């Protein structure tokens, strides 16, 4: 396996934008890079540009907490996330690049009788969908993660948990670099410091992207800009049912490896894992206010630290090393928007909220297929934009109650 260079930008070219491409993808995060890679690999479409207003993968891809799982309630969600998880399991070999994918399992804790009922329901739904899942009681939770506080006299006692053994974490920047290198080798142009400022539209079709480095003609345009996708769509007169919120996370100082899995709690609004180097990675829910700032409110940090110490007393003396924020795009049903739009040759991949990282390979695979064939991929067809008119919503608020 190849080693990680000190300067990852050496892994790909820094080309000047050409005057035209078959496909222009706006947003060089995980989804944009994966889409470009699968366009080239699966469909032979290599005349592709990926535009990034800053540096490659410098948005949410560099600001997430790397959890990967597929144990969603509804069949439509479980389908795309399970497809993605299967791609994760072979992604390091596919890209020829280390991504540090660690299938250490994910525990979703249940603290009330209603949460237990909901958890058992989700486990049964997962099994019917072919997703590995089981329900553990408090004793079994302690066996999987001995440092979780399962004493019965807590404010929110641990009554049990769902458990997905195949779930885990990966190194987010390595994932981005792996997709970028592989796409570049197939002929894709990755163009950084190139902001999309507008679009050319003729006869109801998008024909080009106006950028800070000139206008680029395009046969097809794909928007993969996460929290800023709605801003770009407004420039096309296309209002999207998306609200953007800050989402915060933090890491601790380096610690000895003591946390063997990923633990999430909706009731306490926190989740905790331990990264490969040893730092604790903590996240919580989104800030309630709308905004595009990459930082949030201090009380969110206070609340998630209090919750983490309640669940893990062993971490009471750990020091916070740094905090950061991303910009998540949330739809009314907490599910993504993937597919065609009322404008010809314009495609959307957005609205993933707090679940975008885990979907990276699966979303890229399906979105590339949609762009190449100008029709929805079966796995993402339920996530079309027109479901907000038809009412065929896929309500995953239960899965998104705490960021994940």
Protein backbone atom coordinates (compact mmCIF):
# COMPACT_ATOMS: atom_id res chain seq x y z
CA UNK A 1 0.00 0.00 0.00
CA UNK A 2 1.26 3.48 -0.87
CA UNK A 3 2.36 5.86 1.85
CA UNK A 4 0.85 9.27 2.57
CA UNK A 5 2.97 12.13 1.18
CA UNK A 6 3.64 15.26 3.22
CA UNK A 7 2.01 17.39 0.52
CA UNK A 8 -1.16 15.65 -0.76
CA UNK A 9 -1.60 18.18 -3.57
CA UNK A 10 1.25 16.41 -5.32
CA UNK A 11 -1.17 13.53 -5.87
CA UNK A 12 -3.03 15.39 -8.61
CA UNK A 13 -2.40 18.02 -11.28
CA UNK A 14 -3.25 21.71 -10.94
CA UNK A 15 -4.62 22.39 -14.43
CA UNK A 16 -5.94 25.64 -15.80
CA UNK A 17 -9.66 25.39 -16.58
CA UNK A 18 -10.43 24.57 -20.19
CA UNK A 19 -13.10 26.47 -22.11
CA UNK A 20 -15.54 23.56 -22.08
CA UNK A 21 -16.19 20.14 -20.54
CA UNK A 22 -18.74 17.40 -20.98
CA UNK A 23 -19.55 17.61 -17.26
CA UNK A 24 -18.78 20.34 -14.73
CA UNK A 25 -19.21 19.45 -11.06
CA UNK A 26 -19.44 22.34 -8.61
CA UNK A 27 -17.97 21.32 -5.27
CA UNK A 28 -14.79 19.30 -4.67
CA UNK A 29 -15.85 17.65 -1.45
CA UNK A 30 -16.30 13.94 -1.00
CA UNK A 31 -19.44 13.69 -3.12
CA UNK A 32 -18.10 15.83 -5.95
CA UNK A 33 -14.83 13.89 -6.10
CA UNK A 34 -16.57 10.51 -5.87
CA UNK A 35 -19.00 11.51 -8.64
CA UNK A 36 -16.13 12.52 -10.91
CA UNK A 37 -14.27 9.29 -10.18
CA UNK A 38 -17.24 7.06 -10.94
CA UNK A 39 -18.13 9.06 -14.07
CA UNK A 40 -14.68 8.25 -15.38
CA UNK A 41 -14.36 4.71 -14.05
CA UNK A 42 -17.89 3.36 -14.55
CA UNK A 43 -19.05 5.36 -17.57
CA UNK A 44 -15.89 6.37 -19.42
CA UNK A 45 -16.71 10.09 -19.12
CA UNK A 46 -13.35 11.73 -18.46
CA UNK A 47 -13.83 15.22 -19.92
CA UNK A 48 -14.91 16.38 -16.48
CA UNK A 49 -14.01 19.38 -14.31
CA UNK A 50 -14.55 19.60 -10.56
CA UNK A 51 -14.63 23.20 -9.38
CA UNK A 52 -13.79 24.22 -5.82
CA UNK A 53 -13.89 27.83 -4.63
CA UNK A 54 -11.24 27.14 -1.97
CA UNK A 55 -9.02 24.12 -1.55
CA UNK A 56 -10.00 20.59 -2.39
CA UNK A 57 -12.16 18.96 0.31
CA UNK A 58 -11.81 22.03 2.52
CA UNK A 59 -15.50 22.28 3.37
CA UNK A 60 -17.62 19.70 5.19
CA UNK A 61 -15.34 16.89 4.04
CA UNK A 62 -12.58 18.28 6.26
CA UNK A 63 -15.00 19.11 9.08
CA UNK A 64 -17.00 15.95 9.72
CA UNK A 65 -16.60 13.25 12.34
CA UNK A 66 -16.17 10.31 9.93
CA UNK A 67 -18.89 7.93 11.16
CA UNK A 68 -19.97 5.29 8.62
CA UNK A 69 -23.10 3.19 9.10
CA UNK A 70 -26.17 2.01 7.19
CA UNK A 71 -28.70 1.16 9.93
CA UNK A 72 -31.41 3.62 8.87
CA UNK A 73 -35.09 2.94 9.44
CA UNK A 74 -36.68 3.32 6.03
CA UNK A 75 -35.93 0.97 3.14
CA UNK A 76 -34.99 3.84 0.82
CA UNK A 77 -32.38 5.19 3.25
CA UNK A 78 -31.05 1.77 4.21
CA UNK A 79 -30.69 0.96 0.51
CA UNK A 80 -28.39 3.85 -0.41
CA UNK A 81 -26.38 3.74 2.82
CA UNK A 82 -25.91 -0.04 2.63
CA UNK A 83 -24.75 0.28 -0.97
CA UNK A 84 -22.31 2.88 0.25
CA UNK A 85 -21.09 0.70 3.13
CA UNK A 86 -20.39 -2.16 0.73
CA UNK A 87 -18.32 0.22 -1.40
CA UNK A 88 -16.48 1.40 1.73
CA UNK A 89 -15.51 -2.19 2.45
CA UNK A 90 -13.58 -2.41 -0.82
CA UNK A 91 -12.70 1.25 -1.34
CA UNK A 92 -9.07 1.11 -0.23
CA UNK A 93 -8.30 -1.57 -2.80
CA UNK A 94 -10.39 0.18 -5.45
CA UNK A 95 -8.61 3.52 -5.05
CA UNK A 96 -5.21 1.99 -4.32
CA UNK A 97 -4.89 4.39 -1.42
CA UNK A 98 -5.11 3.96 2.36
CA UNK A 99 -8.27 5.40 3.93
CA UNK A 100 -7.96 3.81 7.42
CA UNK A 101 -11.46 2.31 7.28
CA UNK A 102 -12.04 0.73 10.70
CA UNK A 103 -15.16 -1.41 11.13
CA UNK A 104 -15.34 -1.07 14.90
CA UNK A 105 -19.15 -1.01 15.13
CA UNK A 106 -21.63 1.66 16.17
CA UNK A 107 -23.87 1.65 19.25
CA UNK A 108 -27.02 3.80 19.25
CA UNK A 109 -28.09 3.97 22.89
CA UNK A 110 -31.68 3.73 24.13
CA UNK A 111 -32.46 5.51 27.41
CA UNK A 112 -36.27 5.25 27.72
CA UNK A 113 -38.84 2.50 27.10
CA UNK A 114 -39.99 4.36 23.98
CA UNK A 115 -36.44 4.52 22.66
CA UNK A 116 -36.14 0.78 23.28
CA UNK A 117 -39.30 0.15 21.24
CA UNK A 118 -38.07 2.42 18.45
CA UNK A 119 -34.68 0.72 18.48
CA UNK A 120 -36.15 -2.77 18.23
CA UNK A 121 -38.34 -1.58 15.37
CA UNK A 122 -35.30 -0.23 13.53
CA UNK A 123 -33.33 -3.44 14.09
CA UNK A 124 -36.17 -5.50 12.64
CA UNK A 125 -36.47 -3.15 9.65
CA UNK A 126 -32.71 -3.35 9.09
CA UNK A 127 -32.73 -7.13 9.10
CA UNK A 128 -35.56 -7.19 6.55
CA UNK A 129 -33.42 -4.88 4.37
CA UNK A 130 -30.35 -7.12 4.68
CA UNK A 131 -28.51 -4.72 6.99
CA UNK A 132 -26.57 -6.23 9.89
CA UNK A 133 -28.18 -5.07 13.14
CA UNK A 134 -28.97 -6.34 16.60
CA UNK A 135 -30.44 -5.02 19.83
CA UNK A 136 -28.29 -5.28 22.95
CA UNK A 137 -29.36 -4.95 26.56
CA UNK A 138 -27.34 -2.89 29.04
CA UNK A 139 -25.11 -5.79 29.99
CA UNK A 140 -24.29 -6.51 26.34
CA UNK A 141 -23.62 -2.80 25.74
CA UNK A 142 -21.04 -2.92 28.52
CA UNK A 143 -19.44 -5.98 26.92
CA UNK A 144 -19.03 -4.15 23.61
CA UNK A 145 -17.88 -0.88 25.23
CA UNK A 146 -16.75 -1.38 28.84
CA UNK A 147 -16.21 2.34 29.50
CA UNK A 148 -19.89 3.30 28.98
CA UNK A 149 -21.63 4.15 32.25
CA UNK A 150 -24.56 1.71 32.53
CA UNK A 151 -25.41 2.35 36.18
CA UNK A 152 -29.21 2.37 36.66
CA UNK A 153 -29.38 5.60 38.72
CA UNK A 154 -28.31 7.97 35.94
CA UNK A 155 -30.44 10.82 34.65
CA UNK A 156 -30.68 8.87 31.38
CA UNK A 157 -29.92 5.23 32.22
CA UNK A 158 -28.73 3.00 29.38
CA UNK A 159 -31.53 0.47 28.79
CA UNK A 160 -29.99 -0.99 25.64
CA UNK A 161 -28.72 -0.08 22.19
CA UNK A 162 -28.85 -0.95 18.54
CA UNK A 163 -25.54 -2.29 17.29
CA UNK A 164 -24.19 -2.50 13.75
CA UNK A 165 -20.90 -4.44 13.81
CA UNK A 166 -19.90 -3.52 10.21
CA UNK A 167 -20.15 0.20 10.88
CA UNK A 168 -17.14 2.30 11.83
CA UNK A 169 -14.96 5.25 10.85
CA UNK A 170 -12.46 6.26 8.16
CA UNK A 171 -9.88 9.02 7.77
CA UNK A 172 -11.78 11.76 5.94
CA UNK A 173 -8.89 13.60 4.33
CA UNK A 174 -7.33 10.35 3.09
CA UNK A 175 -10.69 9.47 1.51
CA UNK A 176 -10.74 12.80 -0.33
CA UNK A 177 -7.13 12.46 -1.46
CA UNK A 178 -7.74 8.89 -2.64
CA UNK A 179 -10.73 9.90 -4.78
CA UNK A 180 -8.90 12.98 -6.07
CA UNK A 181 -5.81 11.04 -7.10
CA UNK A 182 -7.83 8.30 -8.77
CA UNK A 183 -10.03 10.79 -10.65
CA UNK A 184 -7.00 12.79 -11.78
CA UNK A 185 -5.30 9.66 -13.09
CA UNK A 186 -8.40 8.99 -15.22
CA UNK A 187 -8.18 12.47 -16.76
CA UNK A 188 -10.52 14.54 -14.59
CA UNK A 189 -9.47 18.18 -14.02
CA UNK A 190 -9.58 19.24 -10.35
CA UNK A 191 -9.66 23.04 -10.34
CA UNK A 192 -9.17 24.75 -6.99
CA UNK A 193 -9.61 28.45 -6.15
CA UNK A 194 -12.34 28.63 -8.77
CA UNK A 195 -15.64 29.94 -7.41
CA UNK A 196 -18.89 29.43 -9.31
CA UNK A 197 -20.50 32.87 -9.52
CA UNK A 198 -23.34 32.20 -11.94
CA UNK A 199 -24.63 30.09 -14.80
CA UNK A 200 -25.50 30.35 -18.48
CA UNK A 201 -29.00 29.14 -19.39
CA UNK A 202 -30.37 28.85 -22.92
CA UNK A 203 -33.69 27.35 -23.93
CA UNK A 204 -34.38 25.92 -20.50
CA UNK A 205 -31.01 24.15 -20.31
CA UNK A 206 -27.88 25.01 -18.31
CA UNK A 207 -25.00 25.41 -20.75
CA UNK A 208 -22.15 26.77 -18.69
CA UNK A 209 -20.77 27.93 -15.36
CA UNK A 210 -19.49 31.45 -14.75
CA UNK A 211 -16.52 31.35 -12.41
CA UNK A 212 -13.93 33.60 -10.85
CA UNK A 213 -11.57 32.23 -13.51
CA UNK A 214 -13.81 32.76 -16.50
CA UNK A 215 -16.86 31.13 -18.05
CA UNK A 216 -16.71 27.38 -18.63
CA UNK A 217 -19.10 25.82 -21.14
CA UNK A 218 -20.62 22.53 -20.01
CA UNK A 219 -22.68 19.77 -21.54
CA UNK A 220 -24.01 18.99 -18.06
CA UNK A 221 -23.69 20.72 -14.69
CA UNK A 222 -23.87 18.96 -11.31
CA UNK A 223 -24.20 20.80 -8.01
CA UNK A 224 -22.46 19.12 -5.04
CA UNK A 225 -21.90 22.12 -2.78
CA UNK A 226 -23.63 20.89 0.40
CA UNK A 227 -24.81 23.87 2.49
CA UNK A 228 -24.18 26.32 -0.36
CA UNK A 229 -26.13 24.37 -2.97
CA UNK A 230 -29.28 26.38 -2.25
CA UNK A 231 -27.31 29.62 -2.80
CA UNK A 232 -26.13 28.39 -6.21
CA UNK A 233 -29.61 27.16 -7.15
CA UNK A 234 -31.12 30.56 -6.33
CA UNK A 235 -28.90 32.06 -9.03
CA UNK A 236 -30.75 29.78 -11.44
CA UNK A 237 -34.17 30.75 -10.12
CA UNK A 238 -34.54 27.31 -8.56
CA UNK A 239 -35.63 27.52 -4.91
CA UNK A 240 -34.70 24.44 -2.88
CA UNK A 241 -36.32 23.16 0.33
CA UNK A 242 -33.03 23.38 2.22
CA UNK A 243 -31.95 25.20 5.34
CA UNK A 244 -28.26 25.52 6.19
CA UNK A 245 -27.12 25.24 9.80
CA UNK A 246 -23.76 25.25 11.59
CA UNK A 247 -22.72 21.86 12.96
CA UNK A 248 -19.97 21.71 15.56
CA UNK A 249 -17.57 19.02 16.65
CA UNK A 250 -14.44 18.85 18.77
CA UNK A 251 -11.45 16.65 19.54
CA UNK A 252 -9.51 16.05 22.71
CA UNK A 253 -5.82 15.76 23.36
CA UNK A 254 -4.19 12.46 22.40
CA UNK A 255 -5.09 9.59 24.73
CA UNK A 256 -4.23 5.92 25.01
CA UNK A 257 -6.70 3.74 23.05
CA UNK A 258 -9.56 3.05 25.46
CA UNK A 259 -12.71 3.50 23.37
CA UNK A 260 -13.23 0.47 21.12
CA UNK A 261 -16.33 1.50 19.14
CA UNK A 262 -18.60 4.47 18.31
CA UNK A 263 -21.30 5.42 20.82
CA UNK A 264 -24.24 7.68 19.96
CA UNK A 265 -27.01 8.99 22.21
CA UNK A 266 -29.99 10.94 20.89
CA UNK A 267 -31.35 11.63 24.39
CA UNK A 268 -28.07 13.11 25.65
CA UNK A 269 -27.33 14.61 22.24
CA UNK A 270 -23.76 13.45 21.89
CA UNK A 271 -21.66 10.85 20.12
CA UNK A 272 -18.10 9.82 20.84
CA UNK A 273 -15.44 7.83 19.02
CA UNK A 274 -11.65 7.64 19.28
CA UNK A 275 -9.60 8.45 16.22
CA UNK A 276 -6.65 6.42 15.00
CA UNK A 277 -4.10 8.77 16.58
CA UNK A 278 -5.87 8.66 19.95
CA UNK A 279 -7.91 11.86 20.20
CA UNK A 280 -11.57 11.62 21.20
CA UNK A 281 -13.94 12.89 18.51
CA UNK A 282 -17.20 14.34 19.83
CA UNK A 283 -20.23 15.68 18.02
CA UNK A 284 -23.76 16.74 18.82
CA UNK A 285 -26.75 18.19 17.01
CA UNK A 286 -26.92 21.18 14.70
CA UNK A 287 -27.17 24.74 15.98
CA UNK A 288 -30.79 25.83 15.79
CA UNK A 289 -30.09 29.04 13.87
CA UNK A 290 -29.55 29.21 10.13
CA UNK A 291 -26.16 30.35 8.94
CA UNK A 292 -23.10 29.77 6.81
CA UNK A 293 -20.44 30.39 9.45
CA UNK A 294 -18.09 27.50 10.12
CA UNK A 295 -18.45 27.84 13.86
CA UNK A 296 -21.42 27.70 16.19
CA UNK A 297 -22.66 28.49 19.68
CA UNK A 298 -20.63 27.86 22.82
CA UNK A 299 -23.55 26.31 24.73
CA UNK A 300 -23.58 23.42 22.23
CA UNK A 301 -20.00 22.60 23.21
CA UNK A 302 -20.86 22.83 26.90
CA UNK A 303 -23.86 20.53 26.55
CA UNK A 304 -22.04 17.88 24.51
CA UNK A 305 -19.11 17.80 26.94
CA UNK A 306 -21.49 17.41 29.90
CA UNK A 307 -23.26 14.59 28.09
CA UNK A 308 -19.99 12.88 27.17
CA UNK A 309 -18.76 12.94 30.75
CA UNK A 310 -22.09 11.54 31.95
CA UNK A 311 -21.77 8.61 29.56
CA UNK A 312 -18.00 8.23 29.97
CA UNK A 313 -16.81 9.28 33.45
CA UNK A 314 -13.33 8.09 32.46
CA UNK A 315 -13.04 11.18 30.22
CA UNK A 316 -13.75 13.74 32.96
CA UNK A 317 -10.12 14.97 32.99
CA UNK A 318 -9.58 14.95 29.23
CA UNK A 319 -8.75 18.32 27.68
CA UNK A 320 -10.39 19.74 24.57
CA UNK A 321 -7.79 20.39 21.89
CA UNK A 322 -9.85 22.21 19.24
CA UNK A 323 -13.38 22.75 17.96
CA UNK A 324 -14.70 23.45 14.50
CA UNK A 325 -17.91 23.72 12.51
CA UNK A 326 -19.32 22.73 9.15
CA UNK A 327 -22.35 23.88 7.17
CA UNK A 328 -25.02 21.21 6.82
CA UNK A 329 -27.94 21.33 4.40
CA UNK A 330 -31.15 20.06 5.97
CA UNK A 331 -34.37 19.21 4.13
CA UNK A 332 -37.87 19.02 5.68
CA UNK A 333 -37.73 15.21 5.89
CA UNK A 334 -34.01 14.97 6.82
CA UNK A 335 -33.27 13.01 3.64
CA UNK A 336 -31.16 14.07 0.64
CA UNK A 337 -32.10 15.42 -2.76
CA UNK A 338 -30.43 13.54 -5.62
CA UNK A 339 -31.37 13.63 -9.28
CA UNK A 340 -32.72 15.72 -12.12
CA UNK A 341 -34.12 19.24 -11.94
CA UNK A 342 -36.67 21.29 -13.94
CA UNK A 343 -33.72 22.72 -15.86
CA UNK A 344 -32.26 20.40 -18.49
CA UNK A 345 -28.68 19.23 -17.95
CA UNK A 346 -28.67 20.40 -14.32
CA UNK A 347 -28.36 17.78 -11.58
CA UNK A 348 -28.58 18.04 -7.78
CA UNK A 349 -26.82 16.15 -5.01
CA UNK A 350 -27.54 17.92 -1.74
CA UNK A 351 -29.58 17.88 1.46
CA UNK A 352 -27.58 15.12 3.16
CA UNK A 353 -27.67 17.05 6.41
CA UNK A 354 -25.40 15.39 8.94
CA UNK A 355 -25.10 12.08 7.06
CA UNK A 356 -23.12 13.04 3.97
CA UNK A 357 -19.73 11.51 4.78
CA UNK A 358 -20.99 7.96 5.21
CA UNK A 359 -22.77 8.20 1.86
CA UNK A 360 -19.70 9.41 -0.04
CA UNK A 361 -18.97 6.41 -2.32
CA UNK A 362 -22.60 5.35 -2.69
CA UNK A 363 -23.84 8.83 -3.50
CA UNK A 364 -21.01 9.37 -5.97
CA UNK A 365 -21.71 6.03 -7.66
CA UNK A 366 -25.45 6.71 -8.06
CA UNK A 367 -25.08 10.39 -8.96
CA UNK A 368 -22.55 9.57 -11.67
CA UNK A 369 -24.99 7.03 -13.10
CA UNK A 370 -27.77 9.63 -13.07
CA UNK A 371 -25.62 12.19 -14.88
CA UNK A 372 -24.32 9.71 -17.44
CA UNK A 373 -27.75 8.31 -18.30
CA UNK A 374 -29.96 11.34 -17.63
CA UNK A 375 -32.33 9.37 -15.42
CA UNK A 376 -32.49 8.60 -11.71
CA UNK A 377 -30.52 5.67 -10.37
CA UNK A 378 -32.91 3.18 -8.72
CA UNK A 379 -31.29 3.65 -5.30
CA UNK A 380 -31.64 7.43 -5.36
CA UNK A 381 -34.89 7.72 -7.33
CA UNK A 382 -36.93 8.06 -4.08
CA UNK A 383 -34.85 11.13 -3.18
CA UNK A 384 -36.01 13.24 -6.11
CA UNK A 385 -36.80 16.93 -5.75
CA UNK A 386 -40.44 16.44 -6.71
CA UNK A 387 -41.21 14.39 -3.59
CA UNK A 388 -41.81 17.67 -1.80
CA UNK A 389 -44.71 18.24 -4.21
CA UNK A 390 -46.02 14.66 -4.33
CA UNK A 391 -45.74 14.19 -0.57
CA UNK A 392 -43.72 10.97 -0.84
CA UNK A 393 -41.37 12.05 1.96
CA UNK A 394 -38.75 9.82 3.61
CA UNK A 395 -38.76 11.05 7.18
CA UNK A 396 -35.42 10.22 8.81
CA UNK A 397 -35.59 12.74 11.64
CA UNK A 398 -35.14 9.90 14.11
CA UNK A 399 -31.82 9.03 12.49
CA UNK A 400 -30.75 12.66 12.44
CA UNK A 401 -31.78 13.69 15.95
CA UNK A 402 -28.12 13.75 16.86
CA UNK A 403 -25.59 14.56 14.16
CA UNK A 404 -23.98 11.48 12.72
